[in-house]
N, C-alpha and C. Protein backbone atom coordinates (compact mmCIF):
# COMPACT_ATOMS: atom_id res chain seq x y z
N UNK A 1 -11.38 17.73 13.67
CA UNK A 1 -12.51 17.01 14.22
C UNK A 1 -12.18 16.65 15.66
N UNK A 2 -13.12 16.90 16.55
CA UNK A 2 -12.89 16.56 17.95
C UNK A 2 -13.03 15.05 18.16
N UNK A 3 -12.53 14.57 19.28
CA UNK A 3 -12.65 13.15 19.60
C UNK A 3 -14.11 12.73 19.68
N UNK A 4 -14.92 13.57 20.29
CA UNK A 4 -16.35 13.27 20.43
C UNK A 4 -17.03 13.17 19.07
N UNK A 5 -16.74 14.10 18.19
CA UNK A 5 -17.33 14.07 16.85
C UNK A 5 -16.84 12.86 16.07
N UNK A 6 -15.57 12.53 16.21
CA UNK A 6 -15.02 11.36 15.53
C UNK A 6 -15.73 10.09 15.99
N UNK A 7 -15.89 9.91 17.29
CA UNK A 7 -16.57 8.72 17.82
C UNK A 7 -18.02 8.67 17.36
N UNK A 8 -18.69 9.79 17.39
CA UNK A 8 -20.08 9.86 16.96
C UNK A 8 -20.22 9.51 15.48
N UNK A 9 -19.36 10.08 14.65
CA UNK A 9 -19.40 9.81 13.21
C UNK A 9 -19.10 8.35 12.93
N UNK A 10 -18.09 7.81 13.60
CA UNK A 10 -17.73 6.41 13.40
C UNK A 10 -18.88 5.49 13.80
N UNK A 11 -19.53 5.78 14.90
CA UNK A 11 -20.65 4.96 15.34
C UNK A 11 -21.80 5.03 14.34
N UNK A 12 -22.08 6.22 13.84
CA UNK A 12 -23.13 6.38 12.83
C UNK A 12 -22.81 5.54 11.59
N UNK A 13 -21.56 5.57 11.15
CA UNK A 13 -21.15 4.78 9.98
C UNK A 13 -21.27 3.29 10.24
N UNK A 14 -20.85 2.86 11.41
CA UNK A 14 -20.96 1.44 11.75
C UNK A 14 -22.42 0.99 11.74
N UNK A 15 -23.28 1.76 12.39
CA UNK A 15 -24.69 1.40 12.45
C UNK A 15 -25.32 1.43 11.06
N UNK A 16 -24.98 2.44 10.28
CA UNK A 16 -25.54 2.55 8.93
C UNK A 16 -25.14 1.37 8.06
N UNK A 17 -23.88 0.94 8.16
CA UNK A 17 -23.36 -0.11 7.29
C UNK A 17 -23.53 -1.52 7.85
N UNK A 18 -23.58 -1.65 9.16
CA UNK A 18 -23.66 -2.97 9.76
C UNK A 18 -24.98 -3.26 10.46
N UNK A 19 -25.69 -2.21 10.84
CA UNK A 19 -26.87 -2.38 11.69
C UNK A 19 -26.44 -2.29 13.14
N UNK A 20 -27.40 -2.06 14.01
CA UNK A 20 -27.09 -1.83 15.43
C UNK A 20 -26.42 -3.04 16.07
N UNK A 21 -26.99 -4.22 15.84
CA UNK A 21 -26.46 -5.43 16.50
C UNK A 21 -25.03 -5.72 16.07
N UNK A 22 -24.77 -5.68 14.77
CA UNK A 22 -23.42 -5.98 14.29
C UNK A 22 -22.43 -4.87 14.67
N UNK A 23 -22.88 -3.63 14.73
CA UNK A 23 -22.00 -2.54 15.16
C UNK A 23 -21.58 -2.76 16.61
N UNK A 24 -22.53 -3.13 17.46
CA UNK A 24 -22.21 -3.42 18.86
C UNK A 24 -21.29 -4.63 18.97
N UNK A 25 -21.54 -5.63 18.13
CA UNK A 25 -20.69 -6.82 18.13
C UNK A 25 -19.26 -6.46 17.73
N UNK A 26 -19.12 -5.60 16.71
CA UNK A 26 -17.81 -5.16 16.27
C UNK A 26 -17.07 -4.46 17.41
N UNK A 27 -17.75 -3.56 18.09
CA UNK A 27 -17.13 -2.84 19.20
C UNK A 27 -16.70 -3.80 20.29
N UNK A 28 -17.53 -4.78 20.60
CA UNK A 28 -17.18 -5.78 21.62
C UNK A 28 -15.94 -6.56 21.20
N UNK A 29 -15.84 -6.91 19.91
CA UNK A 29 -14.67 -7.63 19.43
C UNK A 29 -13.40 -6.78 19.55
N UNK A 30 -13.52 -5.52 19.20
CA UNK A 30 -12.37 -4.62 19.29
C UNK A 30 -11.91 -4.46 20.74
N UNK A 31 -12.86 -4.34 21.64
CA UNK A 31 -12.51 -4.16 23.05
C UNK A 31 -11.93 -5.44 23.64
N UNK A 32 -12.38 -6.59 23.15
CA UNK A 32 -11.93 -7.88 23.68
C UNK A 32 -10.52 -8.23 23.22
N UNK A 33 -10.19 -7.88 21.99
CA UNK A 33 -8.90 -8.24 21.43
C UNK A 33 -7.92 -7.08 21.53
N UNK A 34 -6.74 -7.33 22.07
CA UNK A 34 -5.76 -6.24 22.12
C UNK A 34 -5.31 -5.87 20.71
N UNK A 35 -5.17 -4.59 20.47
CA UNK A 35 -4.77 -4.12 19.14
C UNK A 35 -3.56 -3.21 19.31
N UNK A 36 -2.48 -3.56 18.68
CA UNK A 36 -1.26 -2.78 18.76
C UNK A 36 -1.09 -2.01 17.46
N UNK A 37 -1.50 -0.74 17.48
CA UNK A 37 -1.45 0.08 16.28
C UNK A 37 -0.02 0.18 15.74
N UNK A 38 0.95 0.30 16.62
CA UNK A 38 2.34 0.44 16.18
C UNK A 38 2.80 -0.79 15.41
N UNK A 39 2.47 -1.97 15.92
CA UNK A 39 2.83 -3.21 15.23
C UNK A 39 2.10 -3.32 13.90
N UNK A 40 0.80 -2.97 13.88
CA UNK A 40 0.02 -3.01 12.65
C UNK A 40 0.62 -2.06 11.61
N UNK A 41 1.00 -0.88 12.05
CA UNK A 41 1.59 0.13 11.15
C UNK A 41 2.90 -0.38 10.56
N UNK A 42 3.74 -0.97 11.40
CA UNK A 42 5.00 -1.52 10.91
C UNK A 42 4.76 -2.62 9.87
N UNK A 43 3.78 -3.44 10.15
CA UNK A 43 3.51 -4.58 9.28
C UNK A 43 2.89 -4.19 7.95
N UNK A 44 1.99 -3.20 7.97
CA UNK A 44 1.22 -2.90 6.77
C UNK A 44 1.51 -1.55 6.12
N UNK A 45 2.07 -0.60 6.83
CA UNK A 45 2.19 0.74 6.26
C UNK A 45 3.61 1.24 6.07
N UNK A 46 4.60 0.52 6.49
CA UNK A 46 5.96 1.03 6.37
C UNK A 46 6.65 0.58 5.08
N UNK A 47 5.90 0.58 4.00
CA UNK A 47 6.51 0.22 2.72
C UNK A 47 6.81 1.48 1.91
N UNK A 48 6.81 2.63 2.58
CA UNK A 48 7.11 3.93 1.96
C UNK A 48 6.14 4.31 0.85
N UNK A 49 4.92 3.80 0.92
CA UNK A 49 3.89 4.19 -0.05
C UNK A 49 3.46 5.63 0.22
N UNK A 50 3.15 6.32 -0.86
CA UNK A 50 2.63 7.68 -0.70
C UNK A 50 1.16 7.58 -0.28
N UNK A 51 0.61 8.68 0.15
CA UNK A 51 -0.80 8.74 0.52
C UNK A 51 -1.66 8.36 -0.68
N UNK A 52 -1.27 8.84 -1.84
CA UNK A 52 -2.02 8.52 -3.06
C UNK A 52 -2.00 7.02 -3.35
N UNK A 53 -0.83 6.38 -3.15
CA UNK A 53 -0.72 4.94 -3.38
C UNK A 53 -1.57 4.16 -2.38
N UNK A 54 -1.53 4.58 -1.11
CA UNK A 54 -2.35 3.93 -0.10
C UNK A 54 -3.83 4.08 -0.41
N UNK A 55 -4.23 5.28 -0.86
CA UNK A 55 -5.62 5.52 -1.22
C UNK A 55 -6.03 4.62 -2.37
N UNK A 56 -5.18 4.51 -3.36
CA UNK A 56 -5.46 3.67 -4.52
C UNK A 56 -5.60 2.20 -4.10
N UNK A 57 -4.72 1.74 -3.22
CA UNK A 57 -4.79 0.36 -2.74
C UNK A 57 -6.06 0.12 -1.93
N UNK A 58 -6.40 1.07 -1.09
CA UNK A 58 -7.61 0.94 -0.27
C UNK A 58 -8.86 0.95 -1.15
N UNK A 59 -8.88 1.81 -2.15
CA UNK A 59 -10.02 1.86 -3.07
C UNK A 59 -10.16 0.56 -3.83
N UNK A 60 -9.06 0.03 -4.31
CA UNK A 60 -9.08 -1.24 -5.05
C UNK A 60 -9.58 -2.36 -4.15
N UNK A 61 -9.10 -2.39 -2.92
CA UNK A 61 -9.55 -3.41 -1.97
C UNK A 61 -11.05 -3.30 -1.73
N UNK A 62 -11.51 -2.08 -1.47
CA UNK A 62 -12.94 -1.87 -1.20
C UNK A 62 -13.78 -2.31 -2.40
N UNK A 63 -13.40 -1.89 -3.59
CA UNK A 63 -14.17 -2.22 -4.79
C UNK A 63 -14.18 -3.72 -5.05
N UNK A 64 -13.10 -4.40 -4.70
CA UNK A 64 -13.01 -5.84 -4.90
C UNK A 64 -13.84 -6.61 -3.88
N UNK A 65 -13.79 -6.17 -2.62
CA UNK A 65 -14.44 -6.90 -1.54
C UNK A 65 -15.86 -6.47 -1.24
N UNK A 66 -16.23 -5.24 -1.64
CA UNK A 66 -17.55 -4.72 -1.33
C UNK A 66 -18.20 -4.08 -2.57
N UNK A 67 -18.29 -4.81 -3.67
CA UNK A 67 -18.83 -4.21 -4.89
C UNK A 67 -20.29 -3.76 -4.75
N UNK A 68 -21.04 -4.40 -3.84
CA UNK A 68 -22.43 -4.03 -3.66
C UNK A 68 -22.60 -2.64 -3.02
N UNK A 69 -21.54 -2.14 -2.43
CA UNK A 69 -21.60 -0.83 -1.78
C UNK A 69 -21.44 0.31 -2.79
N UNK A 70 -21.06 -0.02 -4.00
CA UNK A 70 -20.82 1.02 -5.02
C UNK A 70 -22.07 1.60 -5.55
C-alpha cells in the first residue's frame, strides 16, 4: 500500500467511524501532541508476544470497549 493510499484509507475510516468533525479533532490532537513511536513500542509491544497473541489482545480490547461496533 502506498503512503497516499494509506492516508486516504485511514481518513475514510476516521470519518466513517467518528464523523468529519471528530476526525478533524483527532488529527489536530495527534499533531499537537508529540508521539514517540519507539517509546510506545518499548512500553507496549516488547513483551515478545506473537502476532497472533497481539491480534487476540487487540480483538478482546475492541470487543470489550466497542461492543456496539460488532
